[in-house]
Amino acid sequence: MNIYLIVFIYLFLNYASQNEDGSEVERTSRFSTTLPGVAHVPFLTPAVVQERRPLIVAVMSAAASGTSKAAHGDVAAKRKKGPGALATAYLVIYNVVMTAGWLVIAVGLVRAYLARGSYHGLYYSIEKPLKFFQTGAVLEILHCAVGIVPSSVVLTGFQVMSRVFLTWAVTHSVKEVQSEDSVLLFVTAWTVTEIIRYSFYTFSLLNHLPYLIKWARYTFFIVLYPMGVTGELLTIYAALPYVQKTGLYSVTLPNKYNFSFDYYTFLILIMISYIPLFPQLYFHMIRQRKKVLGHIEDYGKVE
């Protein structure tokens, strides 16, 4: 809008200087035009417009180019804009603590294995830190909700709460499954995955991400993801007989709320939900790996 005003003033002054005798006033008053986005502009005859067209085109092109660059700059700034300094500091501390917590779990598993000489029943050696740090991941949902982490609240909530559910509503609640080897299977997968993931986030926030961690983040899941899902499904399956026998968390009729809930059936539905969800998430990560590491690996092959 400002550039149009400049053009108008320039043409008006130019016109006035060429028509001081007033001979053209009557003729030009019958001709007028309108510039886009500007109110009715007098004193622009076809002859004047034709004469000044190169200047008008040049100035308006510059204005359009400047507006486009400004808009592009605003969009780019919004895209590049990350969390503020305080939020970044908090996220660094959070991810460092979570990395350390899962390292404690990893060390606990190794020490227990070396002490026992067997992998059976290792869950009991890391039960408390596992519950604490896995539950601590619920804060990630809050991070997405308040906007300091640009991730989907729904997707993050599903991923976090599915693990929290398995930790508390299955493994903790059904004591009989805690000695199952399947528990160690998913605990090991979770531990390695989380150490890599939180390390990845920490170094990314510090803008010093080692390629090794980046590669591990987008490679280890190929084995760890199916390994963890297998352990989770086997653990839920092992819990089914005990849940059915004890009626754990089930609500039967009649009751004053006229409501019933069968936890046994609910667990079966949870297991079935893995069928459509696992392939989607897995192949999403495959695509992400190709996007992040693909061009680097292709370059290595050329070399």
C-alpha atoms as a PDB file:
ATOM      1  CA  MET A   1       0.000   0.000   0.000  1.00  0.00           C
ATOM      2  CA  ASN A   2       2.847   2.442   0.777  1.00  0.00           C
ATOM      3  CA  ILE A   3       4.514   1.898  -2.590  1.00  0.00           C
ATOM      4  CA  TYR A   4       1.257   2.704  -4.377  1.00  0.00           C
ATOM      5  CA  LEU A   5       1.098   5.979  -2.461  1.00  0.00           C
ATOM      6  CA  ILE A   6       4.656   6.820  -3.555  1.00  0.00           C
ATOM      7  CA  VAL A   7       3.775   6.074  -7.196  1.00  0.00           C
ATOM      8  CA  PHE A   8       0.671   8.252  -6.919  1.00  0.00           C
ATOM      9  CA  ILE A   9       2.580  11.213  -5.436  1.00  0.00           C
ATOM     10  CA  TYR A  10       5.319  10.905  -8.045  1.00  0.00           C
ATOM     11  CA  LEU A  11       2.863  10.833 -10.964  1.00  0.00           C
ATOM     12  CA  PHE A  12       0.767  13.630  -9.495  1.00  0.00           C
ATOM     13  CA  LEU A  13       3.765  15.956  -9.059  1.00  0.00           C
ATOM     14  CA  ASN A  14       5.087  15.067 -12.482  1.00  0.00           C
ATOM     15  CA  TYR A  15       1.691  15.704 -14.004  1.00  0.00           C
ATOM     16  CA  ALA A  16       1.286  19.023 -12.176  1.00  0.00           C
ATOM     17  CA  SER A  17       4.681  20.254 -13.338  1.00  0.00           C
ATOM     18  CA  GLN A  18       3.759  19.531 -16.964  1.00  0.00           C
ATOM     19  CA  ASN A  19       0.315  21.162 -16.766  1.00  0.00           C
ATOM     20  CA  GLU A  20       0.845  24.405 -14.867  1.00  0.00           C
ATOM     21  CA  ASP A  21      -1.141  26.363 -17.472  1.00  0.00           C
ATOM     22  CA  GLY A  22      -4.230  24.281 -16.727  1.00  0.00           C
ATOM     23  CA  SER A  23      -4.850  23.481 -20.360  1.00  0.00           C
ATOM     24  CA  GLU A  24      -5.067  19.771 -19.721  1.00  0.00           C
ATOM     25  CA  VAL A  25      -7.169  19.849 -16.534  1.00  0.00           C
ATOM     26  CA  GLU A  26     -10.521  19.564 -18.192  1.00  0.00           C
ATOM     27  CA  ARG A  27      -9.381  16.776 -20.518  1.00  0.00           C
ATOM     28  CA  THR A  28      -7.670  14.728 -17.835  1.00  0.00           C
ATOM     29  CA  SER A  29     -10.536  15.080 -15.413  1.00  0.00           C
ATOM     30  CA  ARG A  30     -12.571  12.931 -17.774  1.00  0.00           C
ATOM     31  CA  PHE A  31     -10.016  10.123 -17.648  1.00  0.00           C
ATOM     32  CA  SER A  32      -9.120   8.277 -14.503  1.00  0.00           C
ATOM     33  CA  THR A  33      -8.084   4.804 -13.443  1.00  0.00           C
ATOM     34  CA  THR A  34      -7.771   2.661 -10.338  1.00  0.00           C
ATOM     35  CA  LEU A  35      -4.721   0.790  -9.114  1.00  0.00           C
ATOM     36  CA  PRO A  36      -5.268  -2.575  -7.412  1.00  0.00           C
ATOM     37  CA  GLY A  37      -5.756  -2.189  -3.714  1.00  0.00           C
ATOM     38  CA  VAL A  38      -5.936   1.648  -3.959  1.00  0.00           C
ATOM     39  CA  ALA A  39      -8.988   3.901  -3.948  1.00  0.00           C
ATOM     40  CA  HIS A  40      -9.999   5.767  -7.110  1.00  0.00           C
ATOM     41  CA  VAL A  41      -6.855   7.627  -8.351  1.00  0.00           C
ATOM     42  CA  PRO A  42      -7.363  10.740 -10.538  1.00  0.00           C
ATOM     43  CA  PHE A  43      -4.930  12.389 -12.946  1.00  0.00           C
ATOM     44  CA  LEU A  44      -3.838   9.118 -14.638  1.00  0.00           C
ATOM     45  CA  THR A  45      -4.718   9.439 -18.275  1.00  0.00           C
ATOM     46  CA  PRO A  46      -4.034   6.608 -20.715  1.00  0.00           C
ATOM     47  CA  ALA A  47      -1.226   8.669 -22.197  1.00  0.00           C
ATOM     48  CA  VAL A  48       0.383   9.255 -18.823  1.00  0.00           C
ATOM     49  CA  VAL A  49      -0.012   5.613 -17.826  1.00  0.00           C
ATOM     50  CA  GLN A  50       1.551   4.507 -21.104  1.00  0.00           C
ATOM     51  CA  GLU A  51       4.420   6.942 -20.662  1.00  0.00           C
ATOM     52  CA  ARG A  52       5.093   5.944 -17.061  1.00  0.00           C
ATOM     53  CA  ARG A  53       4.460   2.219 -17.495  1.00  0.00           C
ATOM     54  CA  PRO A  54       8.133   1.142 -17.220  1.00  0.00           C
ATOM     55  CA  LEU A  55       8.445   3.024 -13.936  1.00  0.00           C
ATOM     56  CA  ILE A  56       5.138   1.675 -12.595  1.00  0.00           C
ATOM     57  CA  VAL A  57       6.011  -1.889 -13.569  1.00  0.00           C
ATOM     58  CA  ALA A  58       9.471  -1.629 -12.037  1.00  0.00           C
ATOM     59  CA  VAL A  59       8.256  -0.100  -8.786  1.00  0.00           C
ATOM     60  CA  MET A  60       5.298  -2.455  -8.401  1.00  0.00           C
ATOM     61  CA  SER A  61       7.491  -5.469  -9.212  1.00  0.00           C
ATOM     62  CA  ALA A  62       9.909  -4.360  -6.541  1.00  0.00           C
ATOM     63  CA  ALA A  63       7.016  -3.956  -4.120  1.00  0.00           C
ATOM     64  CA  ALA A  64       5.650  -7.403  -4.948  1.00  0.00           C
ATOM     65  CA  SER A  65       9.113  -8.922  -4.646  1.00  0.00           C
ATOM     66  CA  GLY A  66       9.681  -7.200  -1.327  1.00  0.00           C
ATOM     67  CA  THR A  67       6.293  -8.325  -0.024  1.00  0.00           C
ATOM     68  CA  SER A  68       6.952 -11.896  -1.165  1.00  0.00           C
ATOM     69  CA  LYS A  69      10.371 -11.952   0.458  1.00  0.00           C
ATOM     70  CA  ALA A  70       8.983 -10.479   3.663  1.00  0.00           C
ATOM     71  CA  ALA A  71       6.200 -13.077   3.775  1.00  0.00           C
ATOM     72  CA  HIS A  72       8.676 -15.863   3.020  1.00  0.00           C
ATOM     73  CA  GLY A  73      10.973 -14.535   5.731  1.00  0.00           C
ATOM     74  CA  ASP A  74       8.115 -14.515   8.240  1.00  0.00           C
ATOM     75  CA  VAL A  75       7.189 -18.112   7.400  1.00  0.00           C
ATOM     76  CA  ALA A  76      10.813 -19.215   7.557  1.00  0.00           C
ATOM     77  CA  ALA A  77      11.245 -17.457  10.898  1.00  0.00           C
ATOM     78  CA  LYS A  78       8.181 -19.222  12.283  1.00  0.00           C
ATOM     79  CA  ARG A  79       9.444 -22.574  11.058  1.00  0.00           C
ATOM     80  CA  LYS A  80      12.916 -22.038  12.462  1.00  0.00           C
ATOM     81  CA  LYS A  81      11.620 -20.660  15.717  1.00  0.00           C
ATOM     82  CA  GLY A  82      12.129 -23.220  18.440  1.00  0.00           C
ATOM     83  CA  PRO A  83      11.541 -23.219  22.172  1.00  0.00           C
ATOM     84  CA  GLY A  84      12.783 -20.234  24.124  1.00  0.00           C
ATOM     85  CA  ALA A  85      15.978 -20.261  26.141  1.00  0.00           C
ATOM     86  CA  LEU A  86      14.203 -21.237  29.360  1.00  0.00           C
ATOM     87  CA  ALA A  87      12.213 -24.004  27.670  1.00  0.00           C
ATOM     88  CA  THR A  88      15.355 -25.291  25.946  1.00  0.00           C
ATOM     89  CA  ALA A  89      17.238 -25.399  29.236  1.00  0.00           C
ATOM     90  CA  TYR A  90      14.359 -27.298  30.836  1.00  0.00           C
ATOM     91  CA  LEU A  91      14.180 -29.788  27.959  1.00  0.00           C
ATOM     92  CA  VAL A  92      17.933 -30.378  28.093  1.00  0.00           C
ATOM     93  CA  ILE A  93      17.743 -31.105  31.827  1.00  0.00           C
ATOM     94  CA  TYR A  94      14.699 -33.352  31.342  1.00  0.00           C
ATOM     95  CA  ASN A  95      16.349 -35.380  28.582  1.00  0.00           C
ATOM     96  CA  VAL A  96      19.644 -35.661  30.473  1.00  0.00           C
ATOM     97  CA  VAL A  97      17.805 -36.960  33.545  1.00  0.00           C
ATOM     98  CA  MET A  98      15.813 -39.448  31.466  1.00  0.00           C
ATOM     99  CA  THR A  99      18.964 -40.640  29.692  1.00  0.00           C
ATOM    100  CA  ALA A 100      20.673 -41.145  33.041  1.00  0.00           C
ATOM    101  CA  GLY A 101      17.607 -42.962  34.398  1.00  0.00           C
ATOM    102  CA  TRP A 102      17.525 -45.487  31.576  1.00  0.00           C
ATOM    103  CA  LEU A 103      21.288 -45.932  31.888  1.00  0.00           C
ATOM    104  CA  VAL A 104      20.682 -46.846  35.537  1.00  0.00           C
ATOM    105  CA  ILE A 105      18.168 -49.454  34.370  1.00  0.00           C
ATOM    106  CA  ALA A 106      20.664 -50.816  31.823  1.00  0.00           C
ATOM    107  CA  VAL A 107      23.422 -51.059  34.424  1.00  0.00           C
ATOM    108  CA  GLY A 108      20.995 -52.732  36.841  1.00  0.00           C
ATOM    109  CA  LEU A 109      20.114 -55.374  34.258  1.00  0.00           C
ATOM    110  CA  VAL A 110      23.769 -56.109  33.504  1.00  0.00           C
ATOM    111  CA  ARG A 111      24.766 -56.273  37.174  1.00  0.00           C
ATOM    112  CA  ALA A 112      21.849 -58.562  38.016  1.00  0.00           C
ATOM    113  CA  TYR A 113      22.695 -60.844  35.107  1.00  0.00           C
ATOM    114  CA  LEU A 114      26.355 -61.063  36.141  1.00  0.00           C
ATOM    115  CA  ALA A 115      25.398 -61.738  39.762  1.00  0.00           C
ATOM    116  CA  ARG A 116      22.826 -64.432  38.962  1.00  0.00           C
ATOM    117  CA  GLY A 117      24.386 -65.913  35.896  1.00  0.00           C
ATOM    118  CA  SER A 118      20.918 -66.094  34.337  1.00  0.00           C
ATOM    119  CA  TYR A 119      18.511 -63.731  32.601  1.00  0.00           C
ATOM    120  CA  HIS A 120      15.459 -65.179  34.349  1.00  0.00           C
ATOM    121  CA  GLY A 121      13.748 -62.886  36.829  1.00  0.00           C
ATOM    122  CA  LEU A 122      15.881 -59.814  36.090  1.00  0.00           C
ATOM    123  CA  TYR A 123      12.766 -57.646  36.194  1.00  0.00           C
ATOM    124  CA  TYR A 124      12.848 -57.517  40.000  1.00  0.00           C
ATOM    125  CA  SER A 125      16.290 -55.896  39.973  1.00  0.00           C
ATOM    126  CA  ILE A 126      15.089 -52.866  37.987  1.00  0.00           C
ATOM    127  CA  GLU A 127      11.382 -52.744  38.894  1.00  0.00           C
ATOM    128  CA  LYS A 128      11.440 -49.458  40.833  1.00  0.00           C
ATOM    129  CA  PRO A 129      13.543 -47.349  38.433  1.00  0.00           C
ATOM    130  CA  LEU A 130      11.592 -48.772  35.489  1.00  0.00           C
ATOM    131  CA  LYS A 131       8.281 -47.653  36.974  1.00  0.00           C
ATOM    132  CA  PHE A 132       9.647 -44.246  37.910  1.00  0.00           C
ATOM    133  CA  PHE A 133      11.286 -43.291  34.607  1.00  0.00           C
ATOM    134  CA  GLN A 134       8.657 -44.859  32.383  1.00  0.00           C
ATOM    135  CA  THR A 135       5.979 -42.931  34.238  1.00  0.00           C
ATOM    136  CA  GLY A 136       8.132 -39.813  33.946  1.00  0.00           C
ATOM    137  CA  ALA A 137       7.651 -39.995  30.185  1.00  0.00           C
ATOM    138  CA  VAL A 138       4.081 -38.727  30.735  1.00  0.00           C
ATOM    139  CA  LEU A 139       5.643 -35.247  30.873  1.00  0.00           C
ATOM    140  CA  GLU A 140       6.328 -35.600  27.141  1.00  0.00           C
ATOM    141  CA  ILE A 141       2.591 -35.369  26.502  1.00  0.00           C
ATOM    142  CA  LEU A 142       2.533 -32.107  28.464  1.00  0.00           C
ATOM    143  CA  HIS A 143       5.492 -30.806  26.456  1.00  0.00           C
ATOM    144  CA  CYS A 144       3.537 -31.328  23.245  1.00  0.00           C
ATOM    145  CA  ALA A 145       0.344 -29.874  24.704  1.00  0.00           C
ATOM    146  CA  VAL A 146       1.981 -26.583  25.745  1.00  0.00           C
ATOM    147  CA  GLY A 147       3.899 -26.338  22.478  1.00  0.00           C
ATOM    148  CA  ILE A 148       7.530 -26.474  23.585  1.00  0.00           C
ATOM    149  CA  VAL A 149       7.935 -29.692  21.574  1.00  0.00           C
ATOM    150  CA  PRO A 150       6.487 -29.669  18.021  1.00  0.00           C
ATOM    151  CA  SER A 151       5.030 -33.177  18.062  1.00  0.00           C
ATOM    152  CA  SER A 152       1.523 -34.571  17.896  1.00  0.00           C
ATOM    153  CA  VAL A 153      -0.164 -34.749  21.286  1.00  0.00           C
ATOM    154  CA  VAL A 154      -2.279 -37.708  20.152  1.00  0.00           C
ATOM    155  CA  LEU A 155       0.607 -39.752  18.750  1.00  0.00           C
ATOM    156  CA  THR A 156       2.891 -38.976  21.688  1.00  0.00           C
ATOM    157  CA  GLY A 157       0.098 -39.736  24.141  1.00  0.00           C
ATOM    158  CA  PHE A 158      -0.592 -43.086  22.519  1.00  0.00           C
ATOM    159  CA  GLN A 159       3.060 -44.137  22.516  1.00  0.00           C
ATOM    160  CA  VAL A 160       3.709 -43.043  26.097  1.00  0.00           C
ATOM    161  CA  MET A 161       0.481 -44.261  27.657  1.00  0.00           C
ATOM    162  CA  SER A 162       0.720 -47.675  25.992  1.00  0.00           C
ATOM    163  CA  ARG A 163       3.994 -48.261  27.835  1.00  0.00           C
ATOM    164  CA  VAL A 164       2.718 -46.795  31.081  1.00  0.00           C
ATOM    165  CA  PHE A 165      -0.329 -49.055  30.769  1.00  0.00           C
ATOM    166  CA  LEU A 166       1.833 -52.131  30.259  1.00  0.00           C
ATOM    167  CA  THR A 167       4.087 -51.143  33.166  1.00  0.00           C
ATOM    168  CA  TRP A 168       1.331 -50.558  35.726  1.00  0.00           C
ATOM    169  CA  ALA A 169      -1.906 -52.174  34.524  1.00  0.00           C
ATOM    170  CA  VAL A 170      -0.324 -55.433  33.357  1.00  0.00           C
ATOM    171  CA  THR A 171       3.162 -56.130  34.716  1.00  0.00           C
ATOM    172  CA  HIS A 172       2.675 -54.461  38.105  1.00  0.00           C
ATOM    173  CA  SER A 173      -0.925 -55.613  38.572  1.00  0.00           C
ATOM    174  CA  VAL A 174      -0.432 -59.245  37.548  1.00  0.00           C
ATOM    175  CA  LYS A 175       2.424 -60.457  39.725  1.00  0.00           C
ATOM    176  CA  GLU A 176       2.486 -63.840  38.010  1.00  0.00           C
ATOM    177  CA  VAL A 177       3.843 -62.423  34.755  1.00  0.00           C
ATOM    178  CA  GLN A 178       6.785 -60.586  36.304  1.00  0.00           C
ATOM    179  CA  SER A 179       8.988 -63.660  36.046  1.00  0.00           C
ATOM    180  CA  GLU A 180       8.121 -64.235  32.384  1.00  0.00           C
ATOM    181  CA  ASP A 181      10.971 -63.953  29.890  1.00  0.00           C
ATOM    182  CA  SER A 182       8.741 -61.783  27.707  1.00  0.00           C
ATOM    183  CA  VAL A 183       8.987 -59.017  30.329  1.00  0.00           C
ATOM    184  CA  LEU A 184      12.754 -58.956  29.983  1.00  0.00           C
ATOM    185  CA  LEU A 185      12.299 -58.856  26.212  1.00  0.00           C
ATOM    186  CA  PHE A 186      10.351 -55.609  26.164  1.00  0.00           C
ATOM    187  CA  VAL A 187      12.292 -54.080  29.070  1.00  0.00           C
ATOM    188  CA  THR A 188      15.567 -54.599  27.188  1.00  0.00           C
ATOM    189  CA  ALA A 189      14.086 -53.150  23.998  1.00  0.00           C
ATOM    190  CA  TRP A 190      12.702 -50.143  25.877  1.00  0.00           C
ATOM    191  CA  THR A 191      15.994 -49.527  27.694  1.00  0.00           C
ATOM    192  CA  VAL A 192      18.202 -49.439  24.607  1.00  0.00           C
ATOM    193  CA  THR A 193      15.619 -47.428  22.660  1.00  0.00           C
ATOM    194  CA  GLU A 194      15.202 -44.805  25.363  1.00  0.00           C
ATOM    195  CA  ILE A 195      18.919 -44.329  25.985  1.00  0.00           C
ATOM    196  CA  ILE A 196      19.385 -43.612  22.287  1.00  0.00           C
ATOM    197  CA  ARG A 197      16.232 -41.500  21.981  1.00  0.00           C
ATOM    198  CA  TYR A 198      16.861 -39.210  24.954  1.00  0.00           C
ATOM    199  CA  SER A 199      20.535 -38.845  23.970  1.00  0.00           C
ATOM    200  CA  PHE A 200      19.377 -37.866  20.489  1.00  0.00           C
ATOM    201  CA  TYR A 201      17.048 -35.198  21.891  1.00  0.00           C
ATOM    202  CA  THR A 202      19.703 -33.851  24.256  1.00  0.00           C
ATOM    203  CA  PHE A 203      22.400 -33.382  21.617  1.00  0.00           C
ATOM    204  CA  SER A 204      19.864 -32.015  19.127  1.00  0.00           C
ATOM    205  CA  LEU A 205      18.829 -29.320  21.598  1.00  0.00           C
ATOM    206  CA  LEU A 206      22.504 -28.459  22.111  1.00  0.00           C
ATOM    207  CA  ASN A 207      23.067 -28.362  18.327  1.00  0.00           C
ATOM    208  CA  HIS A 208      25.875 -30.911  18.603  1.00  0.00           C
ATOM    209  CA  LEU A 209      24.362 -34.166  17.390  1.00  0.00           C
ATOM    210  CA  PRO A 210      26.983 -36.900  16.733  1.00  0.00           C
ATOM    211  CA  TYR A 211      26.299 -38.856  13.581  1.00  0.00           C
ATOM    212  CA  LEU A 212      26.604 -42.148  15.493  1.00  0.00           C
ATOM    213  CA  ILE A 213      23.651 -41.288  17.730  1.00  0.00           C
ATOM    214  CA  LYS A 214      21.681 -40.048  14.748  1.00  0.00           C
ATOM    215  CA  TRP A 215      22.389 -43.278  12.894  1.00  0.00           C
ATOM    216  CA  ALA A 216      21.500 -45.399  15.931  1.00  0.00           C
ATOM    217  CA  ARG A 217      18.248 -43.474  16.422  1.00  0.00           C
ATOM    218  CA  TYR A 218      17.100 -44.321  12.896  1.00  0.00           C
ATOM    219  CA  THR A 219      18.583 -47.829  12.653  1.00  0.00           C
ATOM    220  CA  PHE A 220      18.281 -49.753  15.925  1.00  0.00           C
ATOM    221  CA  PHE A 221      14.494 -49.539  15.853  1.00  0.00           C
ATOM    222  CA  ILE A 222      14.505 -52.012  12.956  1.00  0.00           C
ATOM    223  CA  VAL A 223      15.242 -54.754  15.501  1.00  0.00           C
ATOM    224  CA  LEU A 224      14.201 -53.147  18.782  1.00  0.00           C
ATOM    225  CA  TYR A 225      10.676 -52.178  17.739  1.00  0.00           C
ATOM    226  CA  PRO A 226       9.548 -55.702  16.747  1.00  0.00           C
ATOM    227  CA  MET A 227      11.404 -57.058  19.775  1.00  0.00           C
ATOM    228  CA  GLY A 228       9.561 -54.738  22.151  1.00  0.00           C
ATOM    229  CA  VAL A 229       6.158 -55.352  20.554  1.00  0.00           C
ATOM    230  CA  THR A 230       6.688 -59.116  20.740  1.00  0.00           C
ATOM    231  CA  GLY A 231       7.549 -58.894  24.428  1.00  0.00           C
ATOM    232  CA  GLU A 232       4.539 -56.686  25.135  1.00  0.00           C
ATOM    233  CA  LEU A 233       2.095 -58.979  23.349  1.00  0.00           C
ATOM    234  CA  LEU A 234       3.483 -62.119  25.007  1.00  0.00           C
ATOM    235  CA  THR A 235       3.277 -60.462  28.433  1.00  0.00           C
ATOM    236  CA  ILE A 236      -0.360 -59.434  27.929  1.00  0.00           C
ATOM    237  CA  TYR A 237      -1.150 -62.913  26.653  1.00  0.00           C
ATOM    238  CA  ALA A 238       0.492 -64.459  29.725  1.00  0.00           C
ATOM    239  CA  ALA A 239      -1.623 -62.212  31.978  1.00  0.00           C
ATOM    240  CA  LEU A 240      -4.965 -63.214  30.423  1.00  0.00           C
ATOM    241  CA  PRO A 241      -5.581 -66.432  32.468  1.00  0.00           C
ATOM    242  CA  TYR A 242      -4.906 -64.660  35.762  1.00  0.00           C
ATOM    243  CA  VAL A 243      -7.073 -61.685  34.825  1.00  0.00           C
ATOM    244  CA  GLN A 244      -9.946 -63.990  33.844  1.00  0.00           C
ATOM    245  CA  LYS A 245      -9.593 -66.057  36.991  1.00  0.00           C
ATOM    246  CA  THR A 246      -9.439 -63.158  39.450  1.00  0.00           C
ATOM    247  CA  GLY A 247     -11.704 -60.719  37.620  1.00  0.00           C
ATOM    248  CA  LEU A 248      -9.029 -58.042  37.930  1.00  0.00           C
ATOM    249  CA  TYR A 249     -10.339 -54.519  37.256  1.00  0.00           C
ATOM    250  CA  SER A 250     -13.615 -55.954  35.969  1.00  0.00           C
ATOM    251  CA  VAL A 251     -17.010 -54.543  36.898  1.00  0.00           C
ATOM    252  CA  THR A 252     -20.028 -56.850  36.775  1.00  0.00           C
ATOM    253  CA  LEU A 253     -23.750 -56.251  36.841  1.00  0.00           C
ATOM    254  CA  PRO A 254     -25.889 -55.558  38.750  1.00  0.00           C
ATOM    255  CA  ASN A 255     -24.488 -52.407  40.330  1.00  0.00           C
ATOM    256  CA  LYS A 256     -25.840 -48.960  41.159  1.00  0.00           C
ATOM    257  CA  TYR A 257     -24.167 -47.435  38.108  1.00  0.00           C
ATOM    258  CA  ASN A 258     -25.675 -50.004  35.729  1.00  0.00           C
ATOM    259  CA  PHE A 259     -22.261 -50.374  34.125  1.00  0.00           C
ATOM    260  CA  SER A 260     -20.079 -53.371  33.344  1.00  0.00           C
ATOM    261  CA  PHE A 261     -16.479 -53.707  32.247  1.00  0.00           C
ATOM    262  CA  ASP A 262     -14.541 -56.853  31.395  1.00  0.00           C
ATOM    263  CA  TYR A 263     -10.811 -56.260  31.736  1.00  0.00           C
ATOM    264  CA  TYR A 264     -10.079 -59.627  30.141  1.00  0.00           C
ATOM    265  CA  THR A 265     -11.886 -58.613  26.950  1.00  0.00           C
ATOM    266  CA  PHE A 266     -10.260 -55.190  27.090  1.00  0.00           C
ATOM    267  CA  LEU A 267      -6.780 -56.765  27.077  1.00  0.00           C
ATOM    268  CA  ILE A 268      -7.720 -58.885  24.076  1.00  0.00           C
ATOM    269  CA  LEU A 269      -8.830 -55.743  22.240  1.00  0.00           C
ATOM    270  CA  ILE A 270      -5.536 -54.099  23.155  1.00  0.00           C
ATOM    271  CA  MET A 271      -3.674 -57.016  21.586  1.00  0.00           C
ATOM    272  CA  ILE A 272      -5.810 -56.819  18.438  1.00  0.00           C
ATOM    273  CA  SER A 273      -5.105 -53.081  18.140  1.00  0.00           C
ATOM    274  CA  TYR A 274      -1.429 -53.890  17.580  1.00  0.00           C
ATOM    275  CA  ILE A 275      -2.334 -55.427  14.206  1.00  0.00           C
ATOM    276  CA  PRO A 276      -3.206 -52.154  12.408  1.00  0.00           C
ATOM    277  CA  LEU A 277      -1.064 -49.810  14.522  1.00  0.00           C
ATOM    278  CA  PHE A 278       2.301 -51.578  14.549  1.00  0.00           C
ATOM    279  CA  PRO A 279       2.803 -51.675  10.739  1.00  0.00           C
ATOM    280  CA  GLN A 280       1.851 -48.004  10.403  1.00  0.00           C
ATOM    281  CA  LEU A 281       4.292 -46.825  13.051  1.00  0.00           C
ATOM    282  CA  TYR A 282       7.033 -49.191  11.894  1.00  0.00           C
ATOM    283  CA  PHE A 283       6.883 -48.182   8.241  1.00  0.00           C
ATOM    284  CA  HIS A 284       6.626 -44.543   9.271  1.00  0.00           C
ATOM    285  CA  MET A 285       9.993 -44.952  10.965  1.00  0.00           C
ATOM    286  CA  ILE A 286      11.341 -46.715   7.877  1.00  0.00           C
ATOM    287  CA  ARG A 287      10.344 -43.712   5.768  1.00  0.00           C
ATOM    288  CA  GLN A 288      11.877 -41.354   8.321  1.00  0.00           C
ATOM    289  CA  ARG A 289      15.113 -43.340   8.212  1.00  0.00           C
ATOM    290  CA  LYS A 290      15.233 -43.102   4.428  1.00  0.00           C
ATOM    291  CA  LYS A 291      14.537 -39.379   4.610  1.00  0.00           C
ATOM    292  CA  VAL A 292      17.178 -38.655   7.261  1.00  0.00           C
ATOM    293  CA  LEU A 293      19.929 -41.145   6.385  1.00  0.00           C
ATOM    294  CA  GLY A 294      19.143 -42.139   2.811  1.00  0.00           C
ATOM    295  CA  HIS A 295      21.069 -39.377   1.030  1.00  0.00           C
ATOM    296  CA  ILE A 296      24.117 -39.950   3.245  1.00  0.00           C
ATOM    297  CA  GLU A 297      24.170 -43.686   2.565  1.00  0.00           C
ATOM    298  CA  ASP A 298      23.683 -43.109  -1.169  1.00  0.00           C
ATOM    299  CA  TYR A 299      26.621 -40.707  -1.174  1.00  0.00           C
ATOM    300  CA  GLY A 300      28.749 -43.317   0.600  1.00  0.00           C
ATOM    301  CA  LYS A 301      27.929 -45.894  -2.074  1.00  0.00           C
ATOM    302  CA  VAL A 302      28.976 -43.480  -4.812  1.00  0.00           C
ATOM    303  CA  GLU A 303      32.284 -42.841  -3.076  1.00  0.00           C
END
